[in-house]
C-alpha atoms as a PDB file:
ATOM      1  CA  MET A   1       0.000   0.000   0.000  1.00  0.00           C
ATOM      2  CA  GLN A   2       1.321   3.362  -1.001  1.00  0.00           C
ATOM      3  CA  PRO A   3       1.241   6.026   1.739  1.00  0.00           C
ATOM      4  CA  CYS A   4      -1.286   8.779   1.157  1.00  0.00           C
ATOM      5  CA  GLU A   5       0.220  12.003  -0.041  1.00  0.00           C
ATOM      6  CA  VAL A   6      -0.707  14.904   2.197  1.00  0.00           C
ATOM      7  CA  ARG A   7      -0.799  18.131   0.272  1.00  0.00           C
ATOM      8  CA  PRO A   8      -0.573  21.419   2.127  1.00  0.00           C
ATOM      9  CA  ALA A   9      -3.582  23.661   1.954  1.00  0.00           C
ATOM     10  CA  PRO A  10      -3.230  26.362  -0.706  1.00  0.00           C
ATOM     11  CA  ALA A  11      -2.049  29.702   0.566  1.00  0.00           C
ATOM     12  CA  PRO A  12      -4.812  32.297   0.513  1.00  0.00           C
ATOM     13  CA  ALA A  13      -4.731  34.970  -2.144  1.00  0.00           C
ATOM     14  CA  ARG A  14      -3.732  38.282  -0.583  1.00  0.00           C
ATOM     15  CA  LEU A  15      -5.508  41.338  -1.906  1.00  0.00           C
ATOM     16  CA  LYS A  16      -4.804  44.917  -0.887  1.00  0.00           C
ATOM     17  CA  ILE A  17      -7.888  47.135  -0.668  1.00  0.00           C
ATOM     18  CA  ILE A  18      -7.909  50.908  -0.159  1.00  0.00           C
ATOM     19  CA  VAL A  19     -10.746  52.622   1.715  1.00  0.00           C
ATOM     20  CA  ALA A  20     -10.840  56.303   0.807  1.00  0.00           C
ATOM     21  CA  GLY A  21     -13.223  59.241   1.070  1.00  0.00           C
ATOM     22  CA  GLY A  22     -13.699  62.626   2.603  1.00  0.00           C
ATOM     23  CA  LEU A  23     -13.211  63.645   6.194  1.00  0.00           C
ATOM     24  CA  GLY A  24     -15.851  62.049   8.415  1.00  0.00           C
ATOM     25  CA  ALA A  25     -17.237  59.665   5.773  1.00  0.00           C
ATOM     26  CA  GLY A  26     -16.807  56.661   8.109  1.00  0.00           C
ATOM     27  CA  LYS A  27     -13.640  54.971   6.834  1.00  0.00           C
ATOM     28  CA  THR A  28     -12.264  54.079  10.278  1.00  0.00           C
ATOM     29  CA  THR A  29     -15.670  52.761  11.353  1.00  0.00           C
ATOM     30  CA  LEU A  30     -16.000  50.620   8.213  1.00  0.00           C
ATOM     31  CA  ILE A  31     -12.624  48.939   8.677  1.00  0.00           C
ATOM     32  CA  GLY A  32     -13.209  48.386  12.379  1.00  0.00           C
ATOM     33  CA  ALA A  33     -16.624  46.814  11.736  1.00  0.00           C
ATOM     34  CA  VAL A  34     -15.318  44.075   9.467  1.00  0.00           C
ATOM     35  CA  SER A  35     -11.718  43.448  10.586  1.00  0.00           C
ATOM     36  CA  GLU A  36     -11.038  40.046  12.138  1.00  0.00           C
ATOM     37  CA  ILE A  37      -8.054  41.488  14.005  1.00  0.00           C
ATOM     38  CA  ALA A  38      -7.888  44.476  16.289  1.00  0.00           C
ATOM     39  CA  PRO A  39      -7.701  47.268  13.717  1.00  0.00           C
ATOM     40  CA  LEU A  40      -4.832  49.700  13.654  1.00  0.00           C
ATOM     41  CA  ALA A  41      -6.126  53.261  13.795  1.00  0.00           C
ATOM     42  CA  THR A  42      -4.026  56.423  13.863  1.00  0.00           C
ATOM     43  CA  GLU A  43      -6.734  58.637  15.323  1.00  0.00           C
ATOM     44  CA  GLU A  44      -5.745  61.952  16.869  1.00  0.00           C
ATOM     45  CA  HIS A  45      -7.838  64.686  18.443  1.00  0.00           C
ATOM     46  CA  LEU A  46      -8.759  67.639  16.291  1.00  0.00           C
ATOM     47  CA  THR A  47      -7.296  70.855  17.653  1.00  0.00           C
ATOM     48  CA  ALA A  48      -7.835  74.553  17.122  1.00  0.00           C
ATOM     49  CA  ALA A  49      -4.613  74.650  15.094  1.00  0.00           C
ATOM     50  CA  GLY A  50      -6.322  72.804  12.245  1.00  0.00           C
ATOM     51  CA  GLY A  51      -9.392  74.986  12.291  1.00  0.00           C
ATOM     52  CA  GLY A  52      -8.243  77.162   9.430  1.00  0.00           C
ATOM     53  CA  VAL A  53      -6.957  74.210   7.388  1.00  0.00           C
ATOM     54  CA  ASP A  54      -9.487  71.374   7.610  1.00  0.00           C
ATOM     55  CA  CYS A  55     -13.043  71.926   6.421  1.00  0.00           C
ATOM     56  CA  LEU A  56     -15.397  70.564   9.097  1.00  0.00           C
ATOM     57  CA  SER A  57     -18.598  71.707   7.427  1.00  0.00           C
ATOM     58  CA  GLY A  58     -21.195  69.028   8.044  1.00  0.00           C
ATOM     59  CA  VAL A  59     -19.044  67.173  10.589  1.00  0.00           C
ATOM     60  CA  ALA A  60     -18.815  69.835  13.274  1.00  0.00           C
ATOM     61  CA  GLY A  61     -19.268  67.213  16.010  1.00  0.00           C
ATOM     62  CA  LYS A  62     -16.216  65.227  14.912  1.00  0.00           C
ATOM     63  CA  THR A  63     -13.475  65.240  17.555  1.00  0.00           C
ATOM     64  CA  THR A  64     -10.833  62.873  16.103  1.00  0.00           C
ATOM     65  CA  THR A  65      -9.390  62.169  12.677  1.00  0.00           C
ATOM     66  CA  THR A  66      -7.034  59.721  10.961  1.00  0.00           C
ATOM     67  CA  VAL A  67      -3.605  61.263  10.452  1.00  0.00           C
ATOM     68  CA  SER A  68      -1.763  58.386   8.777  1.00  0.00           C
ATOM     69  CA  LEU A  69      -3.732  55.237   7.997  1.00  0.00           C
ATOM     70  CA  ASP A  70      -6.183  52.653   9.267  1.00  0.00           C
ATOM     71  CA  PHE A  71      -5.496  48.949   8.822  1.00  0.00           C
ATOM     72  CA  GLY A  72      -7.581  45.814   9.140  1.00  0.00           C
ATOM     73  CA  ARG A  73      -7.773  42.295   7.722  1.00  0.00           C
ATOM     74  CA  ARG A  74     -10.618  40.048   6.662  1.00  0.00           C
ATOM     75  CA  SER A  75     -10.255  36.433   5.506  1.00  0.00           C
ATOM     76  CA  PHE A  76     -12.538  34.263   3.394  1.00  0.00           C
ATOM     77  CA  THR A  77     -12.515  30.522   2.691  1.00  0.00           C
ATOM     78  CA  ASP A  78     -15.369  30.265   0.189  1.00  0.00           C
ATOM     79  CA  PRO A  79     -15.203  29.942  -2.765  1.00  0.00           C
ATOM     80  CA  ALA A  80     -11.401  30.109  -2.388  1.00  0.00           C
ATOM     81  CA  PRO A  81      -8.995  31.093   0.404  1.00  0.00           C
ATOM     82  CA  MET A  82      -8.551  34.853   0.318  1.00  0.00           C
ATOM     83  CA  ALA A  83      -7.298  37.534   2.698  1.00  0.00           C
ATOM     84  CA  LEU A  84      -8.203  41.175   2.231  1.00  0.00           C
ATOM     85  CA  PHE A  85      -5.852  43.746   3.707  1.00  0.00           C
ATOM     86  CA  LEU A  86      -7.751  46.988   4.240  1.00  0.00           C
ATOM     87  CA  PHE A  87      -5.901  50.306   4.274  1.00  0.00           C
ATOM     88  CA  GLY A  88      -7.845  53.442   5.150  1.00  0.00           C
ATOM     89  CA  THR A  89      -6.604  56.804   3.905  1.00  0.00           C
ATOM     90  CA  PRO A  90      -6.703  60.072   5.833  1.00  0.00           C
ATOM     91  CA  GLY A  91      -9.495  62.340   4.625  1.00  0.00           C
ATOM     92  CA  GLN A  92      -7.847  65.763   4.740  1.00  0.00           C
ATOM     93  CA  ASP A  93      -6.296  67.293   1.630  1.00  0.00           C
ATOM     94  CA  ARG A  94      -3.075  68.047   3.521  1.00  0.00           C
ATOM     95  CA  PHE A  95      -2.451  64.309   3.983  1.00  0.00           C
ATOM     96  CA  ARG A  96      -3.059  63.446   0.319  1.00  0.00           C
ATOM     97  CA  PHE A  97       0.641  62.670  -0.179  1.00  0.00           C
ATOM     98  CA  VAL A  98       0.077  59.488   1.859  1.00  0.00           C
ATOM     99  CA  TRP A  99      -2.325  58.110  -0.754  1.00  0.00           C
ATOM    100  CA  ASP A 100       0.348  57.195  -3.300  1.00  0.00           C
ATOM    101  CA  GLU A 101       2.162  55.003  -0.780  1.00  0.00           C
ATOM    102  CA  LEU A 102      -1.020  53.326   0.422  1.00  0.00           C
ATOM    103  CA  ALA A 103      -2.431  52.738  -3.073  1.00  0.00           C
ATOM    104  CA  PHE A 104       0.723  51.060  -4.430  1.00  0.00           C
ATOM    105  CA  GLY A 105      -0.128  47.461  -5.359  1.00  0.00           C
ATOM    106  CA  ALA A 106      -3.820  47.768  -4.504  1.00  0.00           C
ATOM    107  CA  VAL A 107      -6.256  45.571  -6.413  1.00  0.00           C
ATOM    108  CA  GLY A 108      -9.066  48.053  -5.884  1.00  0.00           C
ATOM    109  CA  ALA A 109     -10.599  50.718  -3.684  1.00  0.00           C
ATOM    110  CA  VAL A 110     -13.770  51.586  -1.822  1.00  0.00           C
ATOM    111  CA  VAL A 111     -14.736  55.260  -2.094  1.00  0.00           C
ATOM    112  CA  LEU A 112     -16.926  55.903   0.930  1.00  0.00           C
ATOM    113  CA  VAL A 113     -19.250  58.895   0.614  1.00  0.00           C
ATOM    114  CA  ASP A 114     -21.689  60.775   2.807  1.00  0.00           C
ATOM    115  CA  THR A 115     -24.600  62.232   0.793  1.00  0.00           C
ATOM    116  CA  ARG A 116     -24.675  65.270   3.095  1.00  0.00           C
ATOM    117  CA  ARG A 117     -21.163  66.142   1.879  1.00  0.00           C
ATOM    118  CA  LEU A 118     -21.076  64.403  -1.486  1.00  0.00           C
ATOM    119  CA  PRO A 119     -18.543  66.790  -3.111  1.00  0.00           C
ATOM    120  CA  ALA A 120     -15.956  65.504  -0.606  1.00  0.00           C
ATOM    121  CA  GLY A 121     -15.900  62.271  -2.634  1.00  0.00           C
ATOM    122  CA  PHE A 122     -14.761  63.917  -5.886  1.00  0.00           C
ATOM    123  CA  ALA A 123     -11.066  63.822  -4.966  1.00  0.00           C
ATOM    124  CA  ALA A 124     -11.046  60.066  -4.323  1.00  0.00           C
ATOM    125  CA  VAL A 125     -13.034  59.332  -7.486  1.00  0.00           C
ATOM    126  CA  ASP A 126     -10.621  61.429  -9.572  1.00  0.00           C
ATOM    127  CA  TYR A 127      -7.605  59.829  -7.899  1.00  0.00           C
ATOM    128  CA  PHE A 128      -8.544  56.223  -8.672  1.00  0.00           C
ATOM    129  CA  GLU A 129      -9.905  57.000 -12.126  1.00  0.00           C
ATOM    130  CA  GLY A 130      -6.649  58.744 -13.016  1.00  0.00           C
ATOM    131  CA  ARG A 131      -4.585  55.716 -11.982  1.00  0.00           C
ATOM    132  CA  GLY A 132      -6.796  53.070 -13.531  1.00  0.00           C
ATOM    133  CA  VAL A 133      -7.540  51.483 -10.147  1.00  0.00           C
ATOM    134  CA  PRO A 134     -10.902  49.661 -10.023  1.00  0.00           C
ATOM    135  CA  PHE A 135     -13.201  51.095  -7.368  1.00  0.00           C
ATOM    136  CA  VAL A 136     -16.742  51.023  -6.061  1.00  0.00           C
ATOM    137  CA  VAL A 137     -18.635  53.838  -4.393  1.00  0.00           C
ATOM    138  CA  ALA A 138     -20.165  52.934  -1.029  1.00  0.00           C
ATOM    139  CA  VAL A 139     -22.866  55.323   0.186  1.00  0.00           C
ATOM    140  CA  ASN A 140     -22.728  55.410   3.974  1.00  0.00           C
ATOM    141  CA  ARG A 141     -26.293  55.738   5.237  1.00  0.00           C
ATOM    142  CA  PHE A 142     -26.162  58.218   8.090  1.00  0.00           C
ATOM    143  CA  PRO A 143     -29.326  58.557  10.203  1.00  0.00           C
ATOM    144  CA  GLY A 144     -31.725  61.169   8.894  1.00  0.00           C
ATOM    145  CA  THR A 145     -30.162  61.448   5.437  1.00  0.00           C
ATOM    146  CA  HIS A 146     -32.186  61.354   2.232  1.00  0.00           C
ATOM    147  CA  PRO A 147     -32.143  57.864   0.641  1.00  0.00           C
ATOM    148  CA  TYR A 148     -30.681  58.794  -2.742  1.00  0.00           C
ATOM    149  CA  THR A 149     -30.679  55.980  -5.289  1.00  0.00           C
ATOM    150  CA  PRO A 150     -27.405  54.539  -6.618  1.00  0.00           C
ATOM    151  CA  ALA A 151     -28.209  56.085 -10.004  1.00  0.00           C
ATOM    152  CA  GLU A 152     -28.618  59.532  -8.432  1.00  0.00           C
ATOM    153  CA  VAL A 153     -25.318  59.254  -6.568  1.00  0.00           C
ATOM    154  CA  GLY A 154     -23.533  57.987  -9.662  1.00  0.00           C
ATOM    155  CA  GLN A 155     -24.872  60.887 -11.709  1.00  0.00           C
ATOM    156  CA  ALA A 156     -23.895  63.458  -9.075  1.00  0.00           C
ATOM    157  CA  LEU A 157     -20.338  62.088  -8.946  1.00  0.00           C
ATOM    158  CA  GLN A 158     -20.194  61.729 -12.734  1.00  0.00           C
ATOM    159  CA  LEU A 159     -19.004  58.150 -12.451  1.00  0.00           C
ATOM    160  CA  GLY A 160     -17.796  56.257 -15.477  1.00  0.00           C
ATOM    161  CA  ALA A 161     -19.872  53.476 -16.947  1.00  0.00           C
ATOM    162  CA  GLY A 162     -19.774  50.285 -14.923  1.00  0.00           C
ATOM    163  CA  VAL A 163     -18.638  51.748 -11.593  1.00  0.00           C
ATOM    164  CA  PRO A 164     -20.791  50.029  -8.936  1.00  0.00           C
ATOM    165  CA  VAL A 165     -22.594  52.158  -6.339  1.00  0.00           C
ATOM    166  CA  VAL A 166     -23.606  50.290  -3.180  1.00  0.00           C
ATOM    167  CA  GLY A 167     -25.539  51.516  -0.165  1.00  0.00           C
ATOM    168  CA  CYS A 168     -24.056  50.516   3.174  1.00  0.00           C
ATOM    169  CA  ASP A 169     -23.993  51.057   6.911  1.00  0.00           C
ATOM    170  CA  ALA A 170     -20.328  51.371   7.887  1.00  0.00           C
ATOM    171  CA  ARG A 171     -21.167  50.102  11.389  1.00  0.00           C
ATOM    172  CA  ASP A 172     -22.679  46.821  10.158  1.00  0.00           C
ATOM    173  CA  PRO A 173     -20.242  43.974   9.325  1.00  0.00           C
ATOM    174  CA  GLY A 174     -22.688  42.291   6.955  1.00  0.00           C
ATOM    175  CA  SER A 175     -23.248  45.494   5.040  1.00  0.00           C
ATOM    176  CA  VAL A 176     -19.501  46.150   4.776  1.00  0.00           C
ATOM    177  CA  LEU A 177     -18.876  42.584   3.564  1.00  0.00           C
ATOM    178  CA  THR A 178     -21.339  43.185   0.737  1.00  0.00           C
ATOM    179  CA  VAL A 179     -19.314  46.243  -0.299  1.00  0.00           C
ATOM    180  CA  LEU A 180     -16.019  44.320  -0.214  1.00  0.00           C
ATOM    181  CA  ILE A 181     -17.408  41.380  -2.178  1.00  0.00           C
ATOM    182  CA  THR A 182     -18.809  43.780  -4.773  1.00  0.00           C
ATOM    183  CA  LEU A 183     -15.392  45.415  -5.103  1.00  0.00           C
ATOM    184  CA  VAL A 184     -13.477  42.151  -5.463  1.00  0.00           C
ATOM    185  CA  GLU A 185     -15.901  40.867  -8.098  1.00  0.00           C
ATOM    186  CA  HIS A 186     -15.673  44.189  -9.944  1.00  0.00           C
ATOM    187  CA  ALA A 187     -11.875  44.266  -9.803  1.00  0.00           C
ATOM    188  CA  LEU A 188     -11.479  40.683 -11.007  1.00  0.00           C
ATOM    189  CA  THR A 189     -13.891  41.020 -13.924  1.00  0.00           C
ATOM    190  CA  ARG A 190     -13.079  44.569 -15.030  1.00  0.00           C
ATOM    191  CA  PRO A 191     -11.233  44.832 -18.351  1.00  0.00           C
ATOM    192  CA  HIS A 192      -7.579  45.714 -17.901  1.00  0.00           C
ATOM    193  CA  ALA A 193      -6.870  49.426 -18.092  1.00  0.00           C
ATOM    194  CA  THR A 194      -3.498  51.110 -18.346  1.00  0.00           C
ATOM    195  CA  PRO A 195      -3.043  53.382 -15.307  1.00  0.00           C
ATOM    196  CA  ALA A 196      -2.395  57.010 -16.054  1.00  0.00           C
ATOM    197  CA  PRO A 197       0.834  58.522 -14.726  1.00  0.00           C
ATOM    198  CA  ALA A 198       0.623  60.049 -11.273  1.00  0.00           C
ATOM    199  CA  PRO A 199       0.192  63.827 -11.282  1.00  0.00           C
ATOM    200  CA  ALA A 200       3.112  65.978 -10.212  1.00  0.00           C
ATOM    201  CA  SER A 201       1.069  67.437  -7.368  1.00  0.00           C
ATOM    202  CA  PRO A 202      -1.902  66.146  -5.347  1.00  0.00           C
ATOM    203  CA  VAL A 203      -5.343  66.466  -6.869  1.00  0.00           C
ATOM    204  CA  HIS A 204      -7.521  69.030  -5.121  1.00  0.00           C
ATOM    205  CA  ALA A 205     -11.134  68.807  -6.191  1.00  0.00           C
ATOM    206  CA  ALA A 206     -13.202  71.940  -5.784  1.00  0.00           C
ATOM    207  CA  PRO A 207     -16.539  71.175  -4.113  1.00  0.00           C
ATOM    208  CA  SER A 208     -19.716  71.577  -6.104  1.00  0.00           C
ATOM    209  CA  PRO A 209     -23.369  71.024  -5.163  1.00  0.00           C
ATOM    210  CA  PRO A 210     -24.264  67.323  -5.322  1.00  0.00           C
ATOM    211  CA  ASP A 211     -27.450  67.946  -7.278  1.00  0.00           C
ATOM    212  CA  THR A 212     -25.609  69.596 -10.191  1.00  0.00           C
ATOM    213  CA  GLY A 213     -23.604  66.548 -11.174  1.00  0.00           C
ATOM    214  CA  ALA A 214     -20.632  68.784 -11.941  1.00  0.00           C
ATOM    215  CA  ARG A 215     -17.208  67.425 -11.211  1.00  0.00           C
ATOM    216  CA  PRO A 216     -14.090  69.630 -11.343  1.00  0.00           C
END
């Protein structure tokens, strides 16, 4: 009798995911809700020194902000072993230089938006479009906000054809998993695109009213 050959289990695919969006959109909350490990968060208290630099319109009650990155991990076994490494970007324009380092090697991105401050999502949309990085837009449903349809949000952000828009609650693990699965499926089935060269300076998108559909 020949001894049975024991084959090691296949190593899980490792996919890097970026979670981006404006200040206060819920990026830290989203990663913390779904991470299977204690998430790394670089939260610091907002101070008066940043009052003339960071726009807190619509998030006046916010007391902390990410100053470097957030990190979490989520593993799957079905249909194949897979580990998602989630990197959250800081939301302020003055930390935009961090994005290039975080986005290097990413398979895709989640652009998290708040419909009360929808223009804050323009910068992230422009960033990933310009680099040919697949992304989905996740609409974080804050209490009391108008339930805009995915089509309305896509039109307001002037998204390209085929960019998925998904409603979510960044506090709910099941809701966040739906967003991540949508992104992975989109990234793996999207036709290959040649990334555009990085701009010489960070992209600063000028806000515009969400109901106009005008993007800088």
